[in-house]
Amino acid sequence: MLAYFDCFSGISGDMTLGALIDLGVPVDWLKESIRSIPLKDFDLSVSSVSKNGIGAKRVEVKAADSSITRDYSQIISLISNSPLSANVRERGIAIFEEIAGAEAEIHGCPKETVHFHELGGVDSIVDIVGTALCIEYLGITKISASKIPMGSGFVKCRHGIIPLPAPATVSILKDVPVYGVDINHELVTPTGAAIVKALSASFGNLPDMTIEKTGYGAGKHDSGYIPNLLRIIMGRSSGGEYKDELIFQVETCIDDMNPEIFGFLMDRLFEDGALDVWWVPVSMKKNRPGTNVHAICYPDRKDALINRILSETTTIGVRYYEVKRKTLSRCLDEINTSYGTVCVKRITNPDGTTRIVPEYEVCKKIALEKKLPLKNVYEKIIKEIG
């Protein structure tokens, strides 16, 4: 699924979240997902507003204590140790790294010691992690954006009065095409700049696509003559979509371990963020039967998997190397069946057609509750999908 960020009136974190919610992300699901980080003391309110006759979603994040701020290391640790998926963690960290790099450049200090003020509060974390969650929920695999408009004037922050666009915004948008507009207002916030810089593969005109949905997110202020909105356009290319990814494969051979441990190891590797885990029987030296342990993961989870294998098994060494892979576009969806509403994966084939695959855990729960064979549950759901 493709997404185009049409930033005709700028971009901010709350505008991004509003547009993605307008595209169909359930608010209750989003709240619970963010709270699992854990991030507890906040509320996310979403209202429908109209800007120049265009309906949009307005998002407000209310924190129990707005004075709480965090430094770069605290935020990265919070996201890295969360139960969120590897993709969500990776996107969230990438956005915060854009902000940290800009702040370090402006203040002349190491990135690791950067202390976020406005950007370290609960609302910014909700905006950034929430954006990453929404992108995964909607099945968006590629993002592009328009050129970015920049307002002028001054704004007050904890450091005092600073010019617009804010120094952090200018630093973040290095190498991104921008243009000035005669609006005395902050059109692009540092959070919005970091989101569009970290997530967009390209900047320019609307790409060739078949439009399926459009979402609008409303900003807090109005410029006077253009609606203060971010528009996100979702659609598909003319053929099937592929996602190019760089991942790591971690492996080792074991011939001296209690085989009962392998099942436990597999569960722990998945908990550590493995994308897949598998075993292959091998013949080792002196013709001893052994097991080749394989696991693949995103780069940020490589060390966790290596540590898990070295600490949980009898091996004394692990091999790892970069692997490129292409994956088909997929997104989560809900469908109505005779078992009730069930969660499924909607996958786009290379020819542009789609297929639906029931989620294993959902089918397992139905089978156990209704005392049915698992294969029967799968077959019935697939038959009803038609």
Protein backbone atom coordinates (compact mmCIF):
# COMPACT_ATOMS: atom_id res chain seq x y z
CA MET A 1 0.00 0.00 0.00
CA LEU A 2 1.32 3.43 -0.97
CA ALA A 3 0.80 6.65 0.99
CA TYR A 4 1.39 10.22 -0.16
CA PHE A 5 1.75 12.98 2.43
CA ASP A 6 0.31 16.09 0.79
CA CYS A 7 1.74 18.83 3.03
CA PHE A 8 0.10 21.83 1.35
CA SER A 9 -0.36 23.47 4.78
CA GLY A 10 2.65 21.96 6.55
CA ILE A 11 2.85 19.00 8.91
CA SER A 12 2.88 18.34 12.65
CA GLY A 13 2.64 15.25 14.81
CA ASP A 14 -1.02 15.72 15.69
CA MET A 15 -1.96 16.47 12.08
CA THR A 16 -0.25 13.24 10.98
CA LEU A 17 -2.01 11.20 13.63
CA GLY A 18 -5.35 12.80 12.76
CA ALA A 19 -5.01 12.02 9.04
CA LEU A 20 -4.03 8.39 9.74
CA ILE A 21 -6.99 7.95 12.11
CA ASP A 22 -9.23 9.48 9.43
CA LEU A 23 -7.99 6.70 7.12
CA GLY A 24 -9.53 4.10 9.42
CA VAL A 25 -7.30 3.37 12.42
CA PRO A 26 -9.48 2.54 15.49
CA VAL A 27 -8.83 5.04 18.28
CA ASP A 28 -9.36 2.53 21.12
CA TRP A 29 -6.89 0.10 19.53
CA LEU A 30 -4.36 2.91 19.14
CA LYS A 31 -4.69 3.99 22.79
CA GLU A 32 -4.21 0.46 24.12
CA SER A 33 -1.24 -0.15 21.83
CA ILE A 34 0.51 3.01 23.04
CA ARG A 35 -0.25 2.21 26.69
CA SER A 36 1.54 -1.12 26.26
CA ILE A 37 4.89 0.67 25.80
CA PRO A 38 4.21 1.33 28.80
CA LEU A 39 2.95 4.91 28.62
CA LYS A 40 -0.01 5.23 30.95
CA ASP A 41 -0.80 8.77 32.04
CA PHE A 42 -2.34 10.20 28.89
CA ASP A 43 -5.60 10.41 27.02
CA LEU A 44 -6.13 10.69 23.29
CA SER A 45 -9.22 12.59 22.17
CA VAL A 46 -10.32 12.69 18.54
CA SER A 47 -12.98 15.04 17.20
CA SER A 48 -14.43 15.71 13.77
CA VAL A 49 -13.88 19.27 12.54
CA SER A 50 -14.36 21.20 9.30
CA LYS A 51 -11.72 23.39 7.69
CA ASN A 52 -12.95 25.44 4.71
CA GLY A 53 -15.72 22.86 4.28
CA ILE A 54 -13.36 19.85 4.39
CA GLY A 55 -14.04 17.28 7.10
CA ALA A 56 -11.01 16.24 9.14
CA LYS A 57 -9.93 14.63 12.41
CA ARG A 58 -8.51 16.78 15.18
CA VAL A 59 -6.31 14.94 17.69
CA GLU A 60 -5.45 16.18 21.17
CA VAL A 61 -3.15 14.41 23.60
CA LYS A 62 -3.73 15.18 27.26
CA ALA A 63 -1.01 14.18 29.71
CA ALA A 64 -1.57 13.82 33.44
CA ASP A 65 1.73 15.63 34.03
CA SER A 66 2.84 17.82 31.13
CA SER A 67 6.07 18.78 32.92
CA ILE A 68 7.66 15.34 32.45
CA THR A 69 10.47 15.37 29.87
CA ARG A 70 12.96 12.72 28.79
CA ASP A 71 16.39 12.61 27.23
CA TYR A 72 17.31 10.74 24.06
CA SER A 73 18.57 7.62 25.86
CA GLN A 74 15.40 7.33 27.96
CA ILE A 75 13.14 7.55 24.92
CA ILE A 76 15.15 5.03 22.89
CA SER A 77 15.15 2.64 25.85
CA LEU A 78 11.40 3.09 26.31
CA ILE A 79 10.69 2.19 22.68
CA SER A 80 13.35 -0.53 22.33
CA ASN A 81 12.12 -2.43 25.39
CA SER A 82 8.44 -2.14 24.49
CA PRO A 83 6.34 -5.09 23.27
CA LEU A 84 5.60 -3.28 19.99
CA SER A 85 6.49 -4.99 16.73
CA ALA A 86 9.99 -4.60 15.29
CA ASN A 87 8.67 -2.42 12.45
CA VAL A 88 6.94 -0.03 14.83
CA ARG A 89 9.98 0.20 17.10
CA GLU A 90 12.27 0.79 14.12
CA ARG A 91 10.10 3.61 12.71
CA GLY A 92 9.63 5.27 16.09
CA ILE A 93 13.35 5.23 16.85
CA ALA A 94 14.19 6.52 13.35
CA ILE A 95 11.92 9.54 13.89
CA PHE A 96 13.41 10.36 17.30
CA GLU A 97 16.93 9.96 15.88
CA GLU A 98 16.16 12.70 13.34
CA ILE A 99 15.16 15.01 16.20
CA ALA A 100 18.16 14.06 18.37
CA GLY A 101 20.60 14.62 15.50
CA ALA A 102 19.19 18.09 14.87
CA GLU A 103 19.20 19.07 18.55
CA ALA A 104 22.78 17.81 18.95
CA GLU A 105 23.88 19.92 15.98
CA ILE A 106 22.13 23.05 17.27
CA HIS A 107 23.33 22.78 20.87
CA GLY A 108 26.78 21.39 20.08
CA CYS A 109 26.55 18.26 22.23
CA PRO A 110 26.62 14.48 21.65
CA LYS A 111 23.35 12.99 20.45
CA GLU A 112 23.23 10.61 23.41
CA THR A 113 23.11 13.51 25.89
CA VAL A 114 20.41 15.52 24.13
CA HIS A 115 17.59 16.38 26.53
CA PHE A 116 14.24 16.89 24.84
CA HIS A 117 11.96 19.52 26.32
CA GLU A 118 8.77 20.01 24.34
CA LEU A 119 9.73 17.02 22.20
CA GLY A 120 10.34 14.69 25.14
CA GLY A 121 6.87 15.00 26.61
CA VAL A 122 4.10 12.45 26.52
CA ASP A 123 2.30 14.17 23.62
CA SER A 124 5.31 13.91 21.28
CA ILE A 125 5.87 10.25 22.17
CA VAL A 126 2.19 9.53 21.51
CA ASP A 127 2.35 11.38 18.16
CA ILE A 128 5.49 9.56 16.99
CA VAL A 129 4.84 6.04 18.26
CA GLY A 130 1.16 6.43 17.31
CA THR A 131 2.18 7.32 13.76
CA ALA A 132 4.37 4.22 13.52
CA LEU A 133 1.52 2.04 14.83
CA CYS A 134 -0.98 3.53 12.37
CA ILE A 135 1.32 2.96 9.40
CA GLU A 136 1.65 -0.72 10.32
CA TYR A 137 -2.10 -1.10 10.94
CA LEU A 138 -2.97 0.39 7.54
CA GLY A 139 -0.45 -1.82 5.75
CA ILE A 140 1.46 1.14 4.34
CA THR A 141 4.73 -0.09 2.86
CA LYS A 142 5.97 2.98 0.98
CA ILE A 143 5.60 6.69 1.74
CA SER A 144 6.35 9.72 -0.41
CA ALA A 145 5.61 13.37 0.28
CA SER A 146 5.13 16.72 -1.40
CA LYS A 147 7.61 19.55 -1.11
CA ILE A 148 7.36 21.14 2.33
CA PRO A 149 6.04 24.72 2.82
CA MET A 150 7.80 26.85 5.44
CA GLY A 151 6.16 29.73 7.33
CA SER A 152 7.89 32.68 8.97
CA GLY A 153 7.81 34.78 12.12
CA PHE A 154 8.78 33.88 15.67
CA VAL A 155 7.65 31.43 18.33
CA LYS A 156 8.26 31.15 22.07
CA CYS A 157 9.81 27.99 23.53
CA ARG A 158 11.71 27.06 26.71
CA HIS A 159 14.88 28.64 25.32
CA GLY A 160 13.05 31.93 24.63
CA ILE A 161 11.96 33.53 21.35
CA ILE A 162 13.25 31.73 18.25
CA PRO A 163 12.72 32.35 14.52
CA LEU A 164 10.45 30.34 12.27
CA PRO A 165 10.96 27.87 10.83
CA ALA A 166 12.45 26.63 14.10
CA PRO A 167 16.18 25.80 14.03
CA ALA A 168 15.44 22.11 14.73
CA THR A 169 12.97 22.00 11.83
CA VAL A 170 15.51 23.55 9.43
CA SER A 171 18.20 21.10 10.54
CA ILE A 172 15.93 18.06 10.22
CA LEU A 173 14.79 19.04 6.73
CA LYS A 174 18.32 19.17 5.34
CA ASP A 175 18.31 17.68 1.79
CA VAL A 176 14.48 17.86 1.66
CA PRO A 177 12.86 20.17 -0.95
CA VAL A 178 11.12 23.08 0.79
CA TYR A 179 9.60 26.42 -0.26
CA GLY A 180 8.68 29.59 1.59
CA VAL A 181 5.13 30.92 1.92
CA ASP A 182 3.89 34.30 3.13
CA ILE A 183 2.30 32.97 6.32
CA ASN A 184 3.36 34.33 9.71
CA HIS A 185 2.92 31.03 11.51
CA GLU A 186 4.70 27.74 12.25
CA LEU A 187 3.57 25.41 9.47
CA VAL A 188 6.07 22.63 10.15
CA THR A 189 6.90 21.53 13.69
CA PRO A 190 10.10 19.61 14.51
CA THR A 191 8.00 16.50 15.17
CA GLY A 192 6.24 16.83 11.82
CA ALA A 193 9.56 17.44 10.05
CA ALA A 194 11.09 14.35 11.67
CA ILE A 195 8.13 12.16 10.73
CA VAL A 196 8.14 13.14 7.07
CA LYS A 197 11.96 13.04 6.80
CA ALA A 198 12.36 9.63 8.47
CA LEU A 199 9.49 7.89 6.70
CA SER A 200 9.42 9.32 3.17
CA ALA A 201 11.33 7.59 0.40
CA SER A 202 10.98 10.59 -1.95
CA PHE A 203 9.60 14.13 -2.21
CA GLY A 204 7.73 15.62 -5.15
CA ASN A 205 4.52 15.19 -7.07
CA LEU A 206 1.82 12.62 -6.39
CA PRO A 207 3.13 9.23 -7.63
CA ASP A 208 1.28 7.02 -10.11
CA MET A 209 -1.31 5.18 -8.08
CA THR A 210 -4.92 4.09 -7.88
CA ILE A 211 -6.41 6.10 -5.01
CA GLU A 212 -8.38 4.10 -2.45
CA LYS A 213 -8.66 6.37 0.61
CA THR A 214 -7.92 9.92 1.68
CA GLY A 215 -7.48 11.11 5.26
CA TYR A 216 -7.34 14.65 6.61
CA GLY A 217 -5.69 15.71 9.89
CA ALA A 218 -6.43 19.16 11.29
CA GLY A 219 -3.89 21.46 12.92
CA LYS A 220 -4.49 23.73 15.89
CA HIS A 221 -4.34 27.03 14.05
CA ASP A 222 -5.69 28.53 10.84
CA SER A 223 -3.49 30.47 8.43
CA GLY A 224 -6.35 32.62 7.17
CA TYR A 225 -6.78 31.59 3.56
CA ILE A 226 -5.74 27.94 3.23
CA PRO A 227 -7.16 25.12 5.38
CA ASN A 228 -4.71 24.01 8.08
CA LEU A 229 -4.81 20.36 7.10
CA LEU A 230 -2.48 17.50 6.28
CA ARG A 231 -3.84 15.24 3.55
CA ILE A 232 -2.67 11.63 3.29
CA ILE A 233 -3.64 9.81 0.12
CA MET A 234 -3.52 6.01 0.14
CA GLY A 235 -3.64 3.74 -2.88
CA ARG A 236 -2.02 1.00 -4.87
CA SER A 237 0.34 0.88 -7.80
CA SER A 238 -0.89 -0.69 -11.03
CA GLY A 239 0.73 -4.04 -10.19
CA GLY A 240 1.64 -5.89 -7.04
CA GLU A 241 3.79 -4.07 -4.52
CA TYR A 242 7.04 -5.33 -3.13
CA LYS A 243 8.79 -4.11 -0.04
CA ASP A 244 12.58 -4.26 -0.15
CA GLU A 245 14.05 -4.92 3.27
CA LEU A 246 17.51 -5.38 4.74
CA ILE A 247 17.41 -8.01 7.47
CA PHE A 248 19.90 -10.18 9.33
CA GLN A 249 20.11 -13.97 9.40
CA VAL A 250 21.55 -15.46 12.59
CA GLU A 251 22.50 -19.14 12.70
CA THR A 252 24.51 -21.80 14.48
CA CYS A 253 24.87 -25.60 14.49
CA ILE A 254 24.27 -27.60 17.70
CA ASP A 255 24.93 -31.32 18.29
CA ASP A 256 25.19 -31.62 22.08
CA MET A 257 21.99 -30.14 23.53
CA ASN A 258 18.85 -31.63 25.06
CA PRO A 259 16.34 -31.46 22.15
CA GLU A 260 13.56 -30.37 24.52
CA ILE A 261 15.28 -26.98 24.79
CA PHE A 262 14.73 -26.16 21.11
CA GLY A 263 11.02 -25.47 21.56
CA PHE A 264 11.71 -23.09 24.44
CA LEU A 265 14.43 -21.38 22.40
CA MET A 266 12.07 -20.79 19.48
CA ASP A 267 9.50 -19.11 21.73
CA ARG A 268 12.13 -16.83 23.28
CA LEU A 269 13.58 -15.85 19.89
CA PHE A 270 10.14 -14.75 18.70
CA GLU A 271 9.74 -12.75 21.90
CA ASP A 272 13.08 -11.08 21.11
CA GLY A 273 11.78 -9.87 17.76
CA ALA A 274 12.64 -12.67 15.33
CA LEU A 275 10.67 -12.50 12.10
CA ASP A 276 11.01 -16.26 11.60
CA VAL A 277 12.81 -19.19 13.23
CA TRP A 278 13.46 -22.66 11.82
CA TRP A 279 15.58 -25.78 12.36
CA VAL A 280 17.36 -27.92 9.75
CA PRO A 281 18.78 -31.42 10.54
CA VAL A 282 22.49 -31.65 9.68
CA SER A 283 25.32 -34.18 9.94
CA MET A 284 28.26 -32.71 11.81
CA LYS A 285 31.85 -33.81 12.45
CA LYS A 286 32.35 -37.47 13.41
CA ASN A 287 28.96 -37.95 11.72
CA ARG A 288 27.08 -36.70 14.78
CA PRO A 289 23.46 -35.68 14.07
CA GLY A 290 22.91 -32.00 14.75
CA THR A 291 20.49 -29.11 14.29
CA ASN A 292 21.14 -25.97 12.28
CA VAL A 293 19.36 -23.11 14.10
CA HIS A 294 18.21 -20.25 11.86
CA ALA A 295 16.54 -16.96 12.77
CA ILE A 296 15.93 -13.77 10.79
CA CYS A 297 15.28 -10.30 12.21
CA TYR A 298 15.49 -6.58 11.56
CA PRO A 299 18.92 -4.99 12.21
CA ASP A 300 17.94 -3.50 15.58
CA ARG A 301 17.09 -6.98 16.97
CA LYS A 302 20.24 -8.78 15.78
CA ASP A 303 22.17 -8.46 19.04
CA ALA A 304 19.17 -9.60 21.09
CA LEU A 305 18.88 -12.81 19.04
CA ILE A 306 22.62 -13.49 19.20
CA ASN A 307 22.62 -13.03 22.96
CA ARG A 308 19.60 -15.32 23.31
CA ILE A 309 21.21 -18.16 21.35
CA LEU A 310 24.53 -17.84 23.19
CA SER A 311 22.86 -17.77 26.60
CA GLU A 312 20.14 -20.40 26.07
CA THR A 313 22.01 -23.08 24.10
CA THR A 314 25.26 -25.04 24.27
CA THR A 315 26.79 -23.39 21.22
CA ILE A 316 29.96 -21.31 21.61
CA GLY A 317 29.61 -19.30 18.40
CA VAL A 318 27.00 -17.69 16.17
CA ARG A 319 27.16 -16.64 12.51
CA TYR A 320 25.25 -13.60 11.26
CA TYR A 321 25.07 -11.74 7.99
CA GLU A 322 22.94 -9.24 6.08
CA VAL A 323 20.19 -10.60 3.84
CA LYS A 324 17.97 -8.73 1.39
CA ARG A 325 14.37 -9.81 0.90
CA LYS A 326 11.27 -8.71 -0.97
CA THR A 327 7.87 -9.07 0.66
CA LEU A 328 4.36 -8.63 -0.67
CA SER A 329 2.25 -5.81 0.69
CA ARG A 330 -0.06 -6.90 3.50
CA CYS A 331 -2.29 -5.31 6.12
CA LEU A 332 -4.55 -6.42 8.96
CA ASP A 333 -8.28 -6.41 8.38
CA GLU A 334 -11.43 -7.57 10.13
CA ILE A 335 -14.22 -9.58 8.49
CA ASN A 336 -17.59 -10.89 9.67
CA THR A 337 -17.97 -14.68 9.79
CA SER A 338 -20.28 -17.18 11.44
CA TYR A 339 -17.73 -17.21 14.30
CA GLY A 340 -18.10 -13.43 14.69
CA THR A 341 -15.63 -10.73 13.68
CA VAL A 342 -12.19 -12.24 13.05
CA CYS A 343 -8.80 -10.70 12.26
CA VAL A 344 -7.20 -11.64 8.92
CA LYS A 345 -4.23 -10.66 6.77
CA ARG A 346 -5.02 -9.06 3.41
CA ILE A 347 -2.12 -9.75 1.01
CA THR A 348 -1.56 -8.13 -2.39
CA ASN A 349 -0.34 -10.60 -5.03
CA PRO A 350 2.19 -9.67 -7.76
CA ASP A 351 -0.64 -9.25 -10.29
CA GLY A 352 -2.45 -6.74 -8.07
CA THR A 353 -5.15 -9.13 -6.85
CA THR A 354 -5.61 -9.72 -3.13
CA ARG A 355 -6.02 -12.79 -0.97
CA ILE A 356 -7.10 -13.13 2.63
CA VAL A 357 -5.43 -15.40 5.16
CA PRO A 358 -6.96 -16.02 8.62
CA GLU A 359 -4.70 -15.29 11.59
CA TYR A 360 -3.50 -18.46 13.36
CA GLU A 361 -4.02 -17.21 16.92
CA VAL A 362 -7.59 -16.15 16.12
CA CYS A 363 -8.41 -19.55 14.60
CA LYS A 364 -6.73 -21.35 17.51
CA LYS A 365 -8.86 -19.42 20.03
CA ILE A 366 -12.07 -20.28 18.14
CA ALA A 367 -11.08 -23.94 17.86
CA LEU A 368 -10.41 -24.20 21.60
CA GLU A 369 -13.54 -22.33 22.65
CA LYS A 370 -15.84 -24.30 20.36
CA LYS A 371 -13.93 -27.60 20.67
CA LEU A 372 -13.44 -27.86 16.91
CA PRO A 373 -10.51 -29.12 14.82
CA LEU A 374 -8.28 -26.20 13.87
CA LYS A 375 -8.33 -27.17 10.19
CA ASN A 376 -12.14 -27.02 10.17
CA VAL A 377 -12.08 -23.46 11.50
CA TYR A 378 -9.57 -22.41 8.82
CA GLU A 379 -11.59 -24.07 6.05
CA LYS A 380 -14.89 -22.55 7.13
CA ILE A 381 -13.51 -19.02 7.41
CA ILE A 382 -11.81 -19.27 4.00
CA LYS A 383 -15.02 -20.65 2.46
CA GLU A 384 -17.09 -17.80 3.92
CA ILE A 385 -14.60 -15.24 2.65
CA GLY A 386 -15.40 -16.69 -0.72
